[in-house]
Protein backbone atom coordinates (compact mmCIF):
# COMPACT_ATOMS: atom_id res chain seq x y z
CA MET A 1 195.25 112.65 -48.65
CA SER A 2 195.11 113.53 -45.28
CA LEU A 3 196.00 116.62 -44.53
CA LYS A 4 197.81 115.75 -41.72
CA PRO A 5 200.72 113.07 -41.92
CA ILE A 6 201.70 111.02 -38.19
CA PRO A 7 205.45 112.18 -37.98
CA SER A 8 207.77 108.96 -36.65
CA GLY A 9 211.03 110.32 -36.30
CA ASP A 10 212.33 112.01 -39.60
CA LEU A 11 209.55 109.34 -41.21
CA ARG A 12 205.86 110.21 -42.08
CA TRP A 13 202.95 107.94 -41.26
CA GLY A 14 200.07 107.99 -43.75
CA TYR A 15 196.44 106.57 -43.08
CA SER A 16 195.66 102.86 -44.91
CA THR A 17 193.03 102.08 -47.09
CA GLY A 18 190.02 101.53 -44.53
CA ALA A 19 191.20 104.94 -43.19
CA CYS A 20 190.52 106.24 -46.59
CA ALA A 21 187.68 105.11 -47.49
CA THR A 22 185.73 105.47 -43.98
CA ALA A 23 186.55 109.53 -44.77
CA CYS A 24 185.32 108.93 -48.42
CA THR A 25 181.51 107.28 -47.15
CA GLN A 26 181.05 109.84 -44.37
CA ALA A 27 181.44 112.60 -47.54
CA ALA A 28 179.39 110.58 -49.21
CA LEU A 29 175.98 110.47 -47.25
CA GLN A 30 176.77 114.02 -46.05
CA ALA A 31 176.58 114.77 -49.70
CA LEU A 32 173.76 112.25 -50.47
CA ILE A 33 171.58 114.36 -47.06
CA GLU A 34 172.29 117.34 -47.59
CA GLN A 35 172.45 117.84 -50.95
CA GLU A 36 175.54 119.71 -51.35
CA GLU A 37 179.20 119.44 -52.31
CA VAL A 38 181.29 118.21 -49.32
CA ALA A 39 185.42 118.60 -49.46
CA VAL A 40 186.91 117.40 -46.54
CA ALA A 41 185.83 115.15 -44.29
CA THR A 42 187.15 114.24 -40.50
CA ILE A 43 186.75 111.13 -38.81
CA THR A 44 187.82 109.00 -35.90
CA LEU A 45 190.19 106.31 -35.92
CA PRO A 46 190.09 103.02 -34.01
CA GLY A 47 192.80 104.61 -31.00
CA GLY A 48 190.36 108.02 -30.78
CA GLU A 49 192.70 110.72 -32.87
CA GLU A 50 190.91 113.00 -35.10
CA VAL A 51 192.14 113.29 -38.74
CA LEU A 52 191.25 115.46 -41.07
CA PHE A 53 190.80 114.11 -45.40
CA LYS A 54 190.42 116.54 -48.38
CA ILE A 55 187.58 115.28 -50.85
CA HIS A 56 188.82 115.41 -54.15
CA ALA A 57 185.95 114.41 -55.75
CA CYS A 58 182.34 115.19 -54.60
CA SER A 59 179.31 114.21 -57.04
CA PHE A 60 175.91 113.68 -55.99
CA ASP A 61 171.87 113.58 -57.29
CA THR A 62 168.90 112.99 -55.48
CA ASP A 63 169.48 108.62 -55.16
CA SER A 64 173.30 108.46 -54.75
CA ALA A 65 176.64 110.15 -53.75
CA THR A 66 179.74 109.80 -54.83
CA CYS A 67 182.84 111.04 -53.10
CA VAL A 68 186.90 110.48 -53.47
CA THR A 69 190.25 110.90 -51.89
CA TYR A 70 193.76 109.91 -52.65
CA LYS A 71 195.47 107.26 -50.52
CA ASP A 72 198.90 109.33 -48.60
CA SER A 73 200.49 106.00 -46.79
CA GLY A 74 203.89 108.92 -45.74
CA ASP A 75 206.94 107.96 -46.27
CA ASP A 76 206.02 103.81 -46.35
CA PRO A 77 206.44 102.37 -49.80
CA ASP A 78 203.18 101.17 -50.23
CA VAL A 79 201.79 99.69 -53.70
CA THR A 80 198.61 101.98 -52.46
CA ASN A 81 200.47 104.90 -52.16
CA GLY A 82 198.66 107.83 -54.47
CA ALA A 83 195.53 105.31 -55.60
CA GLU A 84 192.46 106.85 -55.60
CA ILE A 85 189.64 105.60 -53.05
CA ALA A 86 186.20 106.17 -53.70
CA SER A 87 182.75 105.21 -52.36
CA THR A 88 179.74 105.27 -53.41
CA VAL A 89 176.47 106.21 -50.77
CA SER A 90 173.07 105.34 -51.70
CA PHE A 91 169.79 104.35 -49.84
CA GLY A 92 167.96 100.88 -49.95
CA GLY A 93 169.96 97.24 -49.47
CA GLU A 94 168.72 94.32 -47.16
CA GLN A 95 170.55 95.36 -44.05
CA ALA A 96 170.97 97.99 -41.93
CA ILE A 97 174.24 98.54 -44.25
CA THR A 98 175.19 96.28 -47.11
CA PHE A 99 178.25 96.68 -48.70
CA LEU A 100 178.59 96.08 -52.28
CA PRO A 101 181.10 94.98 -54.94
CA GLY A 102 183.13 97.94 -56.29
CA LYS A 103 184.82 98.11 -59.29
CA GLY A 104 189.12 97.18 -58.21
CA VAL A 105 188.19 95.76 -54.54
CA GLY A 106 188.62 92.22 -54.55
CA ARG A 107 186.62 89.26 -54.12
CA VAL A 108 186.60 86.27 -51.32
CA THR A 109 186.62 83.68 -53.16
CA LEU A 110 187.95 81.12 -50.30
CA PRO A 111 186.96 80.94 -46.84
CA GLY A 112 189.04 81.19 -44.26
CA LEU A 113 189.60 85.01 -44.14
CA PRO A 114 187.66 87.23 -42.09
CA VAL A 115 185.41 87.85 -44.69
CA ALA A 116 182.79 85.74 -46.09
CA VAL A 117 182.84 83.97 -49.38
CA GLY A 118 181.18 85.89 -51.85
CA GLU A 119 181.71 89.30 -49.90
CA PRO A 120 184.02 92.62 -51.09
CA ALA A 121 187.04 92.13 -49.78
CA ILE A 122 187.01 94.99 -47.03
CA ASN A 123 188.01 93.64 -43.91
CA PRO A 124 186.42 93.81 -40.53
CA VAL A 125 187.98 97.11 -38.85
CA PRO A 126 187.16 98.85 -42.07
CA ARG A 127 183.52 97.81 -42.01
CA GLN A 128 183.24 98.94 -38.15
CA MET A 129 184.17 102.18 -39.06
CA MET A 130 182.53 103.16 -41.99
CA THR A 131 179.22 101.42 -40.28
CA GLN A 132 179.92 103.99 -37.21
CA VAL A 133 180.24 106.99 -39.48
CA VAL A 134 176.68 105.96 -41.04
CA GLU A 135 175.31 105.57 -38.22
CA ARG A 136 176.35 108.83 -36.36
CA LEU A 137 175.31 111.01 -39.89
CA LEU A 138 171.21 109.00 -40.10
CA LEU A 139 171.27 109.91 -35.80
CA GLN A 140 172.23 113.78 -36.38
CA HIS A 141 170.17 114.04 -39.55
CA GLN A 142 167.25 111.77 -37.52
CA LEU A 143 166.92 109.60 -40.45
CA ASP A 144 165.24 105.57 -40.20
CA LYS A 145 167.14 105.01 -43.60
CA ARG A 146 169.04 101.59 -44.61
CA VAL A 147 172.33 102.19 -46.55
CA CYS A 148 173.91 100.51 -49.16
CA ILE A 149 177.86 101.14 -49.87
CA ARG A 150 180.25 100.84 -52.73
CA VAL A 151 183.68 101.58 -52.46
CA SER A 152 185.73 101.11 -55.45
CA VAL A 153 189.56 102.09 -56.09
CA PRO A 154 189.75 101.79 -59.90
CA MET A 155 193.46 101.05 -60.64
CA GLY A 156 192.40 97.77 -57.34
CA GLU A 157 192.81 95.43 -60.62
CA GLU A 158 196.04 96.98 -61.34
CA LEU A 159 197.72 96.87 -57.99
CA ALA A 160 196.10 93.59 -56.96
CA ARG A 161 198.91 92.43 -59.30
CA LYS A 162 202.03 93.22 -57.11
CA THR A 163 199.80 91.96 -53.41
CA LEU A 164 199.61 88.40 -52.62
CA ASN A 165 195.89 88.74 -53.12
CA SER A 166 195.33 86.10 -55.59
CA ARG A 167 196.83 83.68 -53.46
CA LEU A 168 194.52 84.46 -51.15
CA GLY A 169 191.40 83.62 -52.73
CA ILE A 170 190.98 87.13 -53.44
CA VAL A 171 189.64 87.91 -56.65
CA ASP A 172 189.63 91.51 -59.40
CA GLY A 173 191.19 93.35 -57.01
CA ILE A 174 193.11 94.36 -53.62
CA SER A 175 191.88 94.51 -49.74
CA ILE A 176 190.67 97.56 -47.98
CA LEU A 177 192.93 97.12 -45.07
CA GLY A 178 193.22 98.68 -41.55
CA THR A 179 193.19 97.79 -37.92
CA THR A 180 194.55 101.65 -36.34
CA GLY A 181 193.93 102.97 -39.88
CA LYS A 182 197.15 104.40 -39.83
CA VAL A 183 200.29 103.14 -41.80
CA LYS A 184 203.56 103.04 -40.29
CA PRO A 185 206.84 103.74 -42.85
CA PHE A 186 208.32 100.57 -43.30
CA SER A 187 206.26 98.56 -40.64
CA SER A 188 205.00 95.59 -43.79
CA ALA A 189 201.71 95.46 -41.60
CA ALA A 190 200.40 94.00 -44.92
CA TYR A 191 202.54 91.77 -46.23
CA ILE A 192 202.81 90.48 -42.82
CA ALA A 193 199.01 90.22 -42.91
CA SER A 194 199.13 88.21 -46.06
CA ILE A 195 200.64 85.49 -44.60
CA GLU A 196 198.88 85.51 -41.05
CA GLN A 197 195.76 85.00 -43.71
CA GLY A 198 197.82 83.16 -46.00
CA ILE A 199 197.72 80.52 -43.22
CA ASP A 200 194.27 80.69 -42.39
CA VAL A 201 193.08 80.16 -45.93
CA ALA A 202 195.38 76.68 -46.16
CA LEU A 203 193.78 75.59 -43.02
CA ALA A 204 190.40 76.80 -44.17
CA ASN A 205 190.95 74.78 -46.85
CA GLY A 206 191.48 71.55 -45.17
CA LEU A 207 194.97 71.46 -45.28
CA ASN A 208 197.10 70.60 -41.87
CA THR A 209 200.46 71.46 -43.33
CA VAL A 210 202.14 74.69 -45.81
CA VAL A 211 205.34 75.24 -47.17
CA ILE A 212 206.33 78.47 -46.39
CA ASN A 213 209.70 79.94 -48.39
CA SER A 214 211.17 82.95 -48.95
CA GLY A 215 209.87 84.21 -52.12
CA GLY A 216 209.55 83.50 -55.87
CA ARG A 217 212.27 81.62 -56.71
CA SER A 218 212.93 78.97 -54.23
CA GLU A 219 209.08 78.81 -54.03
CA LYS A 220 209.09 77.63 -57.88
CA ILE A 221 211.18 75.04 -56.86
CA LEU A 222 209.65 73.92 -53.72
CA LYS A 223 206.52 73.87 -55.91
CA GLN A 224 208.44 70.84 -57.66
CA LEU A 225 209.84 68.83 -54.74
CA PHE A 226 206.22 69.01 -53.00
CA PRO A 227 203.88 68.32 -56.45
CA ALA A 228 200.84 66.79 -54.36
CA LEU A 229 200.67 70.62 -52.30
CA PRO A 230 197.79 73.08 -53.71
CA MET A 231 198.89 76.38 -54.20
CA MET A 232 197.59 77.75 -51.15
CA ALA A 233 199.68 75.28 -49.47
CA PHE A 234 202.52 77.24 -50.05
CA VAL A 235 203.35 80.54 -48.07
CA GLN A 236 205.46 82.95 -48.68
CA TYR A 237 207.31 84.79 -45.72
CA GLY A 238 209.72 87.27 -47.68
CA ASN A 239 211.87 88.95 -44.46
CA TRP A 240 209.66 88.04 -42.06
CA ILE A 241 210.48 84.34 -40.35
CA GLY A 242 209.31 85.47 -36.96
CA GLU A 243 205.89 86.29 -37.27
CA THR A 244 205.58 83.17 -39.34
CA LEU A 245 206.73 81.15 -37.14
CA ALA A 246 204.24 82.96 -34.51
CA LYS A 247 201.71 82.28 -36.61
CA ILE A 248 202.41 78.94 -37.01
CA ASN A 249 202.86 78.81 -33.06
CA SER A 250 198.59 79.48 -32.53
CA VAL A 251 197.45 77.40 -35.53
CA PRO A 252 196.81 73.89 -35.17
CA LEU A 253 198.57 73.25 -37.85
CA THR A 254 200.45 69.31 -37.71
CA SER A 255 204.12 69.86 -39.86
CA PHE A 256 205.94 72.60 -42.23
CA THR A 257 208.30 73.40 -44.10
CA ILE A 258 210.60 75.91 -44.51
CA GLY A 259 212.31 76.73 -47.82
CA MET A 260 215.33 78.79 -48.23
CA MET A 261 218.24 80.47 -49.71
CA LEU A 262 221.38 80.45 -48.32
CA GLY A 263 222.09 83.98 -47.78
CA LYS A 264 218.97 83.90 -45.51
CA ALA A 265 219.90 80.32 -43.55
CA VAL A 266 223.37 81.63 -42.54
CA LYS A 267 220.86 85.23 -40.55
CA LEU A 268 218.48 82.30 -38.68
CA ALA A 269 221.48 79.73 -38.06
CA GLY A 270 222.92 83.07 -36.33
CA GLY A 271 219.13 84.04 -34.73
CA ALA A 272 217.94 86.91 -36.81
CA LEU A 273 214.73 86.12 -37.40
CA ASN A 274 213.95 89.18 -39.23
CA THR A 275 216.39 88.36 -42.75
CA HIS A 276 216.03 92.24 -44.11
CA SER A 277 219.68 93.73 -45.08
CA ASP A 278 218.52 96.78 -42.53
CA GLN A 279 217.78 94.12 -39.97
CA SER A 280 220.29 91.87 -39.90
CA SER A 281 223.55 90.85 -41.45
CA TRP A 282 225.57 87.36 -41.54
CA ASP A 283 228.00 86.91 -38.76
CA LYS A 284 230.96 85.23 -40.77
CA GLU A 285 232.84 84.17 -37.24
CA PHE A 286 229.62 82.70 -36.40
CA VAL A 287 229.41 80.21 -40.10
CA ALA A 288 232.80 79.89 -39.57
CA SER A 289 232.08 78.04 -36.24
CA LEU A 290 229.73 76.20 -38.14
CA ALA A 291 232.09 74.70 -40.14
CA THR A 292 234.97 74.03 -37.24
CA LYS A 293 231.92 72.60 -35.47
CA ALA A 294 231.64 70.14 -38.97
CA GLY A 295 235.17 69.08 -39.03
CA TYR A 296 236.87 71.28 -41.44
CA PRO A 297 240.39 72.07 -41.31
CA GLN A 298 240.47 75.41 -39.73
CA GLU A 299 242.71 77.14 -42.62
CA LEU A 300 239.13 76.25 -44.95
CA CYS A 301 236.85 77.60 -42.05
CA ASP A 302 238.98 81.07 -42.11
CA SER A 303 238.48 80.83 -45.44
CA ILE A 304 234.75 82.24 -44.81
CA LEU A 305 235.51 85.39 -42.92
CA SER A 306 237.21 86.43 -47.13
CA LEU A 307 233.74 85.64 -48.38
CA ASN A 308 231.76 88.50 -49.44
CA MET A 309 228.30 87.11 -49.89
CA ALA A 310 226.55 83.74 -48.42
CA ARG A 311 226.64 82.00 -52.36
CA GLY A 312 229.93 82.51 -52.12
CA LEU A 313 229.34 79.42 -49.10
CA THR A 314 229.17 76.39 -52.15
CA ALA A 315 232.81 77.38 -53.18
CA LEU A 316 234.37 76.41 -49.92
CA PHE A 317 231.87 73.51 -49.64
CA PRO A 318 230.43 71.66 -52.47
CA PHE A 319 226.64 71.75 -52.32
CA HIS A 320 225.25 67.93 -52.19
CA GLU A 321 224.28 65.62 -49.66
CA GLY A 322 226.64 64.18 -47.64
CA GLU A 323 228.32 67.49 -47.30
CA PRO A 324 228.77 67.68 -43.27
CA PHE A 325 228.58 71.88 -43.35
CA TYR A 326 225.46 72.09 -44.85
CA ALA A 327 223.75 69.41 -42.08
CA VAL A 328 225.48 71.53 -39.43
CA LEU A 329 223.60 74.39 -40.29
CA ALA A 330 220.56 73.32 -40.91
CA ALA A 331 220.35 71.79 -37.86
CA GLN A 332 221.70 75.24 -36.53
CA CYS A 333 218.29 76.48 -38.10
CA ARG A 334 216.47 74.35 -36.69
CA GLU A 335 217.58 74.85 -33.18
CA VAL A 336 216.07 78.40 -33.93
CA ILE A 337 212.97 77.67 -34.83
CA THR A 338 212.29 75.16 -32.27
CA ARG A 339 212.90 77.60 -29.98
CA GLU A 340 209.89 80.21 -31.31
CA ILE A 341 207.16 76.77 -31.46
CA ARG A 342 205.58 74.18 -29.75
CA PRO A 343 206.68 71.09 -30.64
CA LEU A 344 205.91 69.95 -34.10
CA PRO A 345 207.77 68.36 -36.96
CA PHE A 346 209.32 70.42 -39.90
CA LYS A 347 211.54 70.31 -42.53
CA ILE A 348 214.66 72.64 -44.03
CA VAL A 349 215.09 72.89 -47.59
CA LEU A 350 218.65 75.01 -48.87
CA ILE A 351 218.42 76.25 -51.62
CA ASP A 352 222.12 77.57 -53.92
CA ALA A 353 222.04 80.12 -55.69
CA THR A 354 222.07 77.37 -59.01
CA ASP A 355 218.24 76.48 -57.50
CA LYS A 356 220.00 72.98 -56.54
CA HIS A 357 218.24 72.17 -52.75
CA LEU A 358 219.46 69.77 -49.87
CA LEU A 359 216.55 68.55 -47.56
CA PHE A 360 217.24 68.10 -44.11
CA GLY A 361 214.18 66.07 -42.16
CA ASP A 362 212.50 66.32 -38.69
């Protein structure tokens, strides 16, 4: 846990697993070199800020040293908040610095990630941060030695079940993440990174199309709709449609499909690229205007204004092929999506509360 949380208005920022692992690596190497217990470690984040971490456990002998801290995510509801992060350091290895597999840290099994297949799932920036603290300590003590680093997270395998690691081909634990070392409250940076990595993995494994969807329920329906596609073709965007479309726009996919429940569809049609309830709500008057555009009587269109939830639309407009309202809704979603991407064919799948679906092709 850091001793100096970063304020963000009324919310505290926290620190990434990569920053925690770096602090533990520095403390462990210091303990190994000096053969003395280390209680705190000050590291420099990529942005230049110095941060002090408390080391909750430190053990060593002449061969290796292990230091432990607890991850403080601040006020971000991160699954790794409070997790024990440890680093064991020893001399030796085939390279100047070797990252070894540790319990609870995932192993990469598929190409497409920024870490090679077979390597521990420690992202490039945390690797660079740990490399820098090792090189600095070796220089400070005038040592010419190779160093092995083994990052571990005792509860990592259990925590990984709450992440999207398995669909990225990361097995047996969590990833050690972070590009700035900081965790911004409610930024969902890790989730967005998993979206981007999921698309990279699909491309690296020979796929030229993906099926983006809001979550497990819609994904189950989409898998039935596209049974020939492998698991890695399905990428969950959650609420971050805009970030997902930006990623699609930056890579050489040749097509994609977007599946969404009606609640998200009416928000997207109104221009919302983040469909989280804290960020957007559905505009009933706008949706009523879509019904008017579809040619329904004004009285029926006005009935939309009395609905509490978008799922109630199916009581007004039967959810089946040929119903004009859903064709107009899908067309409006298409218009919004098209503004965000290069010319690219895509399909839209609308899903109702009973898990029925309507497919609208390009």
